[in-house]
Amino acid sequence: MTVIKRVTLFKIPDESHQDVVLEQYKKMEHGAVKDGKPYILSLSAGKTKDDQRRKGYTLCALSTFASVDDMKYYDTDCEAHKALKAVVATGRIEEMPLTVFMEVEE
């Protein structure tokens, strides 16, 4: 089965702001639905380890979707993701998050 793995990196210097964003990710685990059903196959987020290679990125989120269409729904229509974006957009981040994704055989 081919799935979409997505990595999103955030530069959020204030640790209390990091905690707020991580709490929103926890809410999204159960609140992200499509057609009334959960559609994100897996979701985890956490603080990055303090290391020079992290280039200032302090949070990392890993998401798995069944298809690119599900990921597009997440980006444009998911109410839980809209709530996350609203929390992030309130002056908590230094710059726009870096997001990459790939297709993976599982």
N, C-alpha and C. Protein backbone atom coordinates (compact mmCIF):
# COMPACT_ATOMS: atom_id res chain seq x y z
N MET A 1 0.85 -1.18 0.00
CA MET A 1 0.00 0.00 0.00
C MET A 1 0.90 1.24 0.00
N THR A 2 0.62 2.18 -0.87
CA THR A 2 1.35 3.44 -0.92
C THR A 2 0.64 4.47 -0.05
N VAL A 3 1.41 5.17 0.78
CA VAL A 3 0.87 6.22 1.63
C VAL A 3 1.69 7.49 1.43
N ILE A 4 1.17 8.59 1.92
CA ILE A 4 1.87 9.87 1.88
C ILE A 4 2.40 10.16 3.27
N LYS A 5 3.70 10.33 3.38
CA LYS A 5 4.36 10.74 4.64
C LYS A 5 4.71 12.21 4.51
N ARG A 6 4.34 12.98 5.50
CA ARG A 6 4.54 14.43 5.46
C ARG A 6 5.28 14.87 6.73
N VAL A 7 6.27 15.73 6.53
CA VAL A 7 7.04 16.29 7.64
C VAL A 7 6.87 17.80 7.60
N THR A 8 6.51 18.38 8.73
CA THR A 8 6.39 19.83 8.84
C THR A 8 7.29 20.29 9.99
N LEU A 9 8.14 21.27 9.69
CA LEU A 9 9.07 21.81 10.68
C LEU A 9 8.72 23.27 10.98
N PHE A 10 8.74 23.60 12.26
CA PHE A 10 8.40 24.94 12.73
C PHE A 10 9.57 25.57 13.46
N LYS A 11 9.73 26.87 13.27
CA LYS A 11 10.67 27.66 14.06
C LYS A 11 9.86 28.47 15.06
N ILE A 12 9.76 27.95 16.27
CA ILE A 12 9.02 28.60 17.35
C ILE A 12 9.97 28.74 18.53
N PRO A 13 10.60 29.90 18.69
CA PRO A 13 11.63 30.03 19.71
C PRO A 13 11.12 29.95 21.15
N ASP A 14 9.94 30.47 21.42
CA ASP A 14 9.41 30.52 22.79
C ASP A 14 8.84 29.14 23.16
N GLU A 15 9.39 28.55 24.21
CA GLU A 15 8.97 27.21 24.60
C GLU A 15 7.49 27.14 25.01
N SER A 16 6.98 28.20 25.61
CA SER A 16 5.56 28.19 25.98
C SER A 16 4.69 28.18 24.73
N HIS A 17 5.13 28.84 23.67
CA HIS A 17 4.39 28.80 22.40
C HIS A 17 4.47 27.42 21.76
N GLN A 18 5.61 26.77 21.91
CA GLN A 18 5.75 25.40 21.41
C GLN A 18 4.72 24.50 22.08
N ASP A 19 4.56 24.65 23.38
CA ASP A 19 3.60 23.83 24.13
C ASP A 19 2.17 24.06 23.65
N VAL A 20 1.83 25.29 23.34
CA VAL A 20 0.48 25.61 22.84
C VAL A 20 0.24 24.91 21.50
N VAL A 21 1.23 24.97 20.61
CA VAL A 21 1.09 24.33 19.30
C VAL A 21 0.99 22.81 19.46
N LEU A 22 1.82 22.23 20.32
CA LEU A 22 1.76 20.78 20.54
C LEU A 22 0.41 20.35 21.11
N GLU A 23 -0.15 21.16 21.97
CA GLU A 23 -1.49 20.86 22.52
C GLU A 23 -2.53 20.87 21.40
N GLN A 24 -2.40 21.79 20.47
CA GLN A 24 -3.33 21.84 19.34
C GLN A 24 -3.19 20.60 18.47
N TYR A 25 -1.96 20.11 18.30
CA TYR A 25 -1.76 18.87 17.55
C TYR A 25 -2.47 17.70 18.23
N LYS A 26 -2.42 17.66 19.56
CA LYS A 26 -3.12 16.59 20.29
C LYS A 26 -4.63 16.63 20.03
N LYS A 27 -5.18 17.84 20.01
CA LYS A 27 -6.61 17.99 19.72
C LYS A 27 -6.92 17.53 18.30
N MET A 28 -6.01 17.79 17.39
CA MET A 28 -6.24 17.46 16.00
C MET A 28 -6.25 15.95 15.77
N GLU A 29 -5.54 15.20 16.60
CA GLU A 29 -5.52 13.74 16.45
C GLU A 29 -6.93 13.16 16.41
N HIS A 30 -7.82 13.70 17.22
CA HIS A 30 -9.19 13.18 17.30
C HIS A 30 -10.19 14.05 16.57
N GLY A 31 -9.80 15.29 16.28
CA GLY A 31 -10.74 16.23 15.67
C GLY A 31 -10.68 16.30 14.16
N ALA A 32 -9.65 15.71 13.56
CA ALA A 32 -9.51 15.78 12.10
C ALA A 32 -10.37 14.70 11.45
N VAL A 33 -11.46 15.12 10.83
CA VAL A 33 -12.37 14.16 10.19
C VAL A 33 -12.70 14.61 8.77
N LYS A 34 -13.00 13.63 7.96
CA LYS A 34 -13.42 13.84 6.57
C LYS A 34 -14.63 12.94 6.36
N ASP A 35 -15.72 13.50 5.93
CA ASP A 35 -16.98 12.74 5.79
C ASP A 35 -17.37 12.06 7.11
N GLY A 36 -17.09 12.76 8.22
CA GLY A 36 -17.47 12.26 9.54
C GLY A 36 -16.56 11.20 10.12
N LYS A 37 -15.47 10.86 9.43
CA LYS A 37 -14.58 9.81 9.93
C LYS A 37 -13.14 10.31 9.97
N PRO A 38 -12.34 9.80 10.92
CA PRO A 38 -10.92 10.15 10.93
C PRO A 38 -10.27 9.75 9.61
N TYR A 39 -9.38 10.58 9.10
CA TYR A 39 -8.76 10.27 7.81
C TYR A 39 -7.24 10.36 7.84
N ILE A 40 -6.67 10.87 8.92
CA ILE A 40 -5.21 10.90 9.05
C ILE A 40 -4.79 9.55 9.64
N LEU A 41 -3.94 8.83 8.91
CA LEU A 41 -3.55 7.49 9.35
C LEU A 41 -2.70 7.52 10.60
N SER A 42 -1.79 8.49 10.70
CA SER A 42 -1.00 8.68 11.91
C SER A 42 -0.56 10.13 11.99
N LEU A 43 -0.37 10.59 13.22
CA LEU A 43 0.02 11.97 13.45
C LEU A 43 0.81 12.02 14.75
N SER A 44 2.00 12.60 14.68
CA SER A 44 2.78 12.83 15.90
C SER A 44 3.52 14.14 15.75
N ALA A 45 3.74 14.79 16.86
CA ALA A 45 4.46 16.07 16.87
C ALA A 45 5.25 16.16 18.16
N GLY A 46 6.40 16.81 18.08
CA GLY A 46 7.21 16.96 19.27
C GLY A 46 8.31 17.99 19.06
N LYS A 47 8.96 18.30 20.17
CA LYS A 47 10.06 19.25 20.14
C LYS A 47 11.31 18.57 19.57
N THR A 48 12.06 19.30 18.79
CA THR A 48 13.30 18.76 18.25
C THR A 48 14.38 18.85 19.33
N LYS A 49 15.38 18.00 19.20
CA LYS A 49 16.51 18.03 20.13
C LYS A 49 17.40 19.22 19.81
N ASP A 50 17.95 19.83 20.84
CA ASP A 50 18.84 20.98 20.66
C ASP A 50 20.14 20.51 20.02
N ASP A 51 20.29 20.83 18.75
CA ASP A 51 21.43 20.37 17.97
C ASP A 51 21.66 21.38 16.86
N GLN A 52 22.90 21.64 16.50
CA GLN A 52 23.19 22.64 15.48
C GLN A 52 22.58 22.29 14.13
N ARG A 53 22.36 21.02 13.86
CA ARG A 53 21.80 20.61 12.56
C ARG A 53 20.33 20.95 12.41
N ARG A 54 19.66 21.30 13.47
CA ARG A 54 18.23 21.59 13.36
C ARG A 54 17.95 22.95 12.72
N LYS A 55 18.95 23.78 12.58
CA LYS A 55 18.85 25.06 11.85
C LYS A 55 17.73 25.96 12.37
N GLY A 56 17.48 25.91 13.67
CA GLY A 56 16.47 26.77 14.27
C GLY A 56 15.08 26.16 14.35
N TYR A 57 14.86 25.00 13.73
CA TYR A 57 13.54 24.36 13.80
C TYR A 57 13.38 23.72 15.16
N THR A 58 12.31 24.07 15.84
CA THR A 58 12.11 23.63 17.22
C THR A 58 10.99 22.60 17.39
N LEU A 59 10.11 22.49 16.40
CA LEU A 59 9.03 21.50 16.44
C LEU A 59 8.99 20.74 15.13
N CYS A 60 8.64 19.47 15.22
CA CYS A 60 8.50 18.62 14.04
C CYS A 60 7.19 17.86 14.14
N ALA A 61 6.43 17.85 13.04
CA ALA A 61 5.18 17.09 12.98
C ALA A 61 5.30 16.07 11.85
N LEU A 62 4.90 14.84 12.14
CA LEU A 62 4.90 13.76 11.16
C LEU A 62 3.48 13.29 10.95
N SER A 63 3.03 13.32 9.70
CA SER A 63 1.66 12.92 9.36
C SER A 63 1.69 11.87 8.27
N THR A 64 0.74 10.95 8.32
CA THR A 64 0.61 9.94 7.27
C THR A 64 -0.82 9.98 6.76
N PHE A 65 -0.93 10.05 5.42
CA PHE A 65 -2.23 10.09 4.76
C PHE A 65 -2.34 8.92 3.78
N ALA A 66 -3.54 8.48 3.51
CA ALA A 66 -3.77 7.38 2.57
C ALA A 66 -3.56 7.82 1.12
N SER A 67 -3.69 9.13 0.87
CA SER A 67 -3.58 9.61 -0.51
C SER A 67 -3.21 11.10 -0.55
N VAL A 68 -2.78 11.55 -1.70
CA VAL A 68 -2.51 12.97 -1.89
C VAL A 68 -3.81 13.75 -1.73
N ASP A 69 -4.93 13.18 -2.17
CA ASP A 69 -6.22 13.87 -2.02
C ASP A 69 -6.55 14.12 -0.55
N ASP A 70 -6.26 13.14 0.32
CA ASP A 70 -6.49 13.34 1.75
C ASP A 70 -5.58 14.45 2.28
N MET A 71 -4.34 14.51 1.82
CA MET A 71 -3.44 15.56 2.26
C MET A 71 -3.92 16.93 1.77
N LYS A 72 -4.43 16.97 0.55
CA LYS A 72 -4.97 18.24 0.02
C LYS A 72 -6.19 18.68 0.82
N TYR A 73 -7.04 17.72 1.20
CA TYR A 73 -8.18 18.04 2.05
C TYR A 73 -7.69 18.64 3.37
N TYR A 74 -6.67 18.04 3.95
CA TYR A 74 -6.06 18.53 5.18
C TYR A 74 -5.62 19.99 5.02
N ASP A 75 -4.99 20.29 3.91
CA ASP A 75 -4.46 21.63 3.68
C ASP A 75 -5.55 22.68 3.43
N THR A 76 -6.65 22.28 2.83
CA THR A 76 -7.63 23.28 2.39
C THR A 76 -8.97 23.25 3.13
N ASP A 77 -9.42 22.10 3.58
CA ASP A 77 -10.78 22.00 4.10
C ASP A 77 -10.92 21.49 5.54
N CYS A 78 -9.90 20.90 6.09
CA CYS A 78 -9.99 20.29 7.42
C CYS A 78 -10.13 21.37 8.50
N GLU A 79 -11.22 21.33 9.24
CA GLU A 79 -11.48 22.33 10.29
C GLU A 79 -10.45 22.23 11.42
N ALA A 80 -10.03 21.03 11.76
CA ALA A 80 -9.02 20.85 12.81
C ALA A 80 -7.69 21.46 12.39
N HIS A 81 -7.32 21.30 11.12
CA HIS A 81 -6.08 21.89 10.63
C HIS A 81 -6.19 23.41 10.55
N LYS A 82 -7.37 23.91 10.20
CA LYS A 82 -7.58 25.36 10.20
C LYS A 82 -7.39 25.93 11.59
N ALA A 83 -7.85 25.21 12.61
CA ALA A 83 -7.68 25.66 13.99
C ALA A 83 -6.20 25.67 14.36
N LEU A 84 -5.46 24.65 13.93
CA LEU A 84 -4.02 24.61 14.18
C LEU A 84 -3.32 25.80 13.52
N LYS A 85 -3.66 26.05 12.26
CA LYS A 85 -3.04 27.17 11.54
C LYS A 85 -3.35 28.50 12.23
N ALA A 86 -4.54 28.65 12.79
CA ALA A 86 -4.90 29.88 13.50
C ALA A 86 -4.04 30.05 14.75
N VAL A 87 -3.80 28.96 15.46
CA VAL A 87 -2.95 29.02 16.66
C VAL A 87 -1.52 29.38 16.28
N VAL A 88 -1.01 28.78 15.23
CA VAL A 88 0.36 29.02 14.80
C VAL A 88 0.51 30.46 14.29
N ALA A 89 -0.49 30.96 13.63
CA ALA A 89 -0.40 32.27 12.98
C ALA A 89 -0.45 33.45 13.94
N THR A 90 -0.69 33.22 15.19
CA THR A 90 -0.83 34.33 16.14
C THR A 90 0.51 34.76 16.72
N GLY A 91 1.49 34.98 15.84
CA GLY A 91 2.78 35.51 16.25
C GLY A 91 3.69 34.53 16.95
N ARG A 92 3.43 33.25 16.80
CA ARG A 92 4.24 32.26 17.49
C ARG A 92 5.45 31.78 16.67
N ILE A 93 5.38 31.90 15.35
CA ILE A 93 6.45 31.36 14.51
C ILE A 93 7.34 32.47 13.97
N GLU A 94 8.61 32.11 13.73
CA GLU A 94 9.56 33.06 13.16
C GLU A 94 9.39 33.20 11.65
N GLU A 95 9.07 32.11 10.99
CA GLU A 95 8.87 32.12 9.54
C GLU A 95 7.91 31.00 9.19
N MET A 96 7.47 30.97 7.95
CA MET A 96 6.52 29.94 7.52
C MET A 96 7.12 28.55 7.74
N PRO A 97 6.30 27.59 8.15
CA PRO A 97 6.81 26.24 8.35
C PRO A 97 7.35 25.64 7.05
N LEU A 98 8.28 24.74 7.19
CA LEU A 98 8.82 23.98 6.07
C LEU A 98 8.06 22.65 6.02
N THR A 99 7.43 22.35 4.89
CA THR A 99 6.67 21.12 4.75
C THR A 99 7.14 20.37 3.51
N VAL A 100 7.44 19.09 3.69
CA VAL A 100 7.80 18.21 2.58
C VAL A 100 7.00 16.92 2.73
N PHE A 101 6.77 16.24 1.60
CA PHE A 101 6.06 14.96 1.67
C PHE A 101 6.60 14.02 0.60
N MET A 102 6.31 12.74 0.81
CA MET A 102 6.77 11.72 -0.14
C MET A 102 5.81 10.55 -0.12
N GLU A 103 5.81 9.82 -1.23
CA GLU A 103 5.04 8.57 -1.30
C GLU A 103 5.94 7.45 -0.81
N VAL A 104 5.38 6.56 0.02
CA VAL A 104 6.14 5.48 0.62
C VAL A 104 5.31 4.20 0.53
N GLU A 105 5.96 3.12 0.20
CA GLU A 105 5.31 1.80 0.25
C GLU A 105 5.36 1.29 1.69
N GLU A 106 4.22 0.87 2.20
CA GLU A 106 4.17 0.30 3.56
C GLU A 106 3.70 -1.12 3.52
